[in-house]
């Protein structure tokens, strides 16, 4: 198998970084995720990464807290995860840069589209932290936005579920998995694969989306080779 795509955007959930601990970062788990990323980079694939922050903070479960402040806390959680992934990649010899949508120059570069593209062209992995930098937008929307900005061919959404189902497979035994969908179907059926803003950005910019399970980290590599490891969403 050889990679089909030249430039990708990998979306990692914060929860997946916690491993069995369910909270924080399990570095053995992160290192396992980094191995197929290194293989892709070694084979010439340009990799951008957007990471969530749910292993540290979930703003929507914060009770009566102001939504804007809660979302800002979530953005900072994604910065912690971005730095953790960067460290793991560097440990196995991958050149990496972290860019954040909220300026924190002591620990990361500010997000600059042209600089990010230049890093990718030089074979560096670029990890985008702090979401879009704005409250009320999810990290799925950040992934779609960054993918559009850097001209990624596809978004790989690595989750703890092996694809898109018509209903929650963890709750319903009769849930049916889709092999392929259109973004229009995702929006019309209100499937919870990504939020509607992210789906609209992908639809309008003709960016494909592959949703697959990261329980087997090899799926990251296989998805770039267009192997059927999950659900493909296109126009």
Foldseek 3Di string as FASTA:
>chain_A
DAFPFQEEEEEEEQQQQCPPVSADGDLVSLLLLLVLVVVNLVRRHQYEYEYWQVNHADLVPPPPDDQFVRLQVRLVSRVVVLVSSCVSNVVVPAAEFEEECDDDPVRHHHDDLVVSLVCSVVSHYYYYTSQNVGTPDGNLLSSLVSCLSNVGQAYEYADQDAEFWLDDVVVDVPIDFAQEEELVCCVVSVTVPDDNNSSVSCQVSFHKYFYGYCVPSCVVNVVSNVHSRYYIYTD
